Amino acid sequence: MSTHYDFKFAQQHCSGCGWTGLGSETAMGDSFDEGAEYHCPTCGERFGFVPYPLLSESLTDPRAPETDRTFAEIAKRGAKKADDDTKP
């Protein structure tokens, strides 16, 4: 299974119309708790479901944009604080 960043930075090819481009150039369709569907920006052909990046992926994958990295750092700090707050 490929990761979010694998999809976004790999060449995608539409079997419907022949469009070729990066996954980051595709159109996001329906989104769910765990990820989103992506479609051809030209004809709308569905490429498939792509999971959102895990916090660890956003922090360690060099392809992750700074916004993903920042969100992951904030989320990890919030989780640590919540864990610390529940300790006696």
Protein backbone atom coordinates (compact mmCIF):
# COMPACT_ATOMS: atom_id res chain seq x y z
CA MET A 1 0.00 0.00 0.00
CA SER A 2 1.38 3.37 -0.91
CA THR A 3 1.38 6.33 1.41
CA HIS A 4 -0.23 9.72 0.96
CA TYR A 5 3.07 11.23 -0.15
CA ASP A 6 3.78 8.33 -2.51
CA PHE A 7 0.51 9.08 -4.31
CA LYS A 8 0.93 12.86 -4.31
CA PHE A 9 4.47 12.80 -5.75
CA ALA A 10 4.10 9.91 -8.21
CA GLN A 11 2.97 10.13 -11.83
CA GLN A 12 -0.67 9.14 -12.21
CA HIS A 13 -2.20 8.07 -15.49
CA CYS A 14 -5.92 8.15 -16.27
CA SER A 15 -7.16 5.10 -18.15
CA GLY A 16 -10.29 7.05 -19.10
CA CYS A 17 -8.84 9.99 -21.01
CA GLY A 18 -5.08 9.52 -21.00
CA TRP A 19 -4.27 12.44 -18.69
CA THR A 20 -0.90 12.11 -16.97
CA GLY A 21 0.34 14.18 -14.06
CA LEU A 22 1.36 14.14 -10.42
CA GLY A 23 -1.05 12.89 -7.80
CA SER A 24 -0.94 16.39 -6.30
CA GLU A 25 -2.56 17.63 -9.53
CA THR A 26 -5.56 15.31 -9.24
CA ALA A 27 -8.94 16.40 -7.92
CA MET A 28 -10.05 15.41 -4.42
CA GLY A 29 -13.43 13.76 -4.35
CA ASP A 30 -15.25 12.46 -1.30
CA SER A 31 -13.31 12.68 1.94
CA PHE A 32 -13.59 10.36 4.90
CA ASP A 33 -12.09 10.10 8.40
CA GLU A 34 -9.09 8.10 7.15
CA GLY A 35 -8.48 9.64 3.72
CA ALA A 36 -10.03 10.80 0.47
CA GLU A 37 -10.83 9.66 -3.05
CA TYR A 38 -8.92 11.27 -5.89
CA HIS A 39 -10.10 11.73 -9.48
CA CYS A 40 -8.73 12.73 -12.85
CA PRO A 41 -8.83 16.54 -13.16
CA THR A 42 -9.84 16.23 -16.83
CA CYS A 43 -12.55 13.57 -17.01
CA GLY A 44 -13.31 12.72 -13.37
CA GLU A 45 -12.21 9.06 -13.58
CA ARG A 46 -11.63 7.74 -10.05
CA PHE A 47 -8.01 6.89 -9.18
CA GLY A 48 -8.90 5.46 -5.79
CA PHE A 49 -8.81 6.02 -2.07
CA VAL A 50 -5.67 7.58 -0.59
CA PRO A 51 -5.15 7.57 3.19
CA TYR A 52 -4.25 10.82 4.93
CA PRO A 53 -0.65 10.88 6.15
CA LEU A 54 0.08 9.57 9.64
CA LEU A 55 1.63 12.09 12.03
CA SER A 56 4.86 10.08 11.93
CA GLU A 57 4.90 10.28 8.12
CA SER A 58 4.37 14.03 8.17
CA LEU A 59 7.28 14.41 10.59
CA THR A 60 9.73 12.10 8.82
CA ASP A 61 8.93 12.10 5.09
CA PRO A 62 11.09 14.74 3.37
CA ARG A 63 8.32 15.25 0.78
CA ALA A 64 5.86 16.44 3.47
CA PRO A 65 5.02 20.14 3.10
CA GLU A 66 5.79 22.45 6.02
CA THR A 67 2.07 22.81 6.79
CA ASP A 68 1.75 19.02 7.32
CA ARG A 69 4.87 19.01 9.51
CA THR A 70 3.59 21.91 11.61
CA PHE A 71 0.17 20.28 12.07
CA ALA A 72 1.82 17.00 13.13
CA GLU A 73 4.03 18.77 15.68
CA ILE A 74 1.04 20.61 17.19
CA ALA A 75 -1.05 17.43 17.28
CA LYS A 76 1.72 15.47 19.00
CA ARG A 77 2.18 18.22 21.61
CA GLY A 78 -1.58 18.25 22.23
CA ALA A 79 -1.66 14.46 22.62
CA LYS A 80 1.29 14.55 25.03
CA LYS A 81 -0.36 17.30 27.10
CA ALA A 82 -3.63 15.35 27.24
CA ASP A 83 -1.71 12.25 28.35
CA ASP A 84 0.19 14.26 31.00
CA ASP A 85 -3.08 15.77 32.27
CA THR A 86 -4.56 12.31 32.91
CA LYS A 87 -1.62 11.08 34.99
CA PRO A 88 -2.08 11.30 38.79
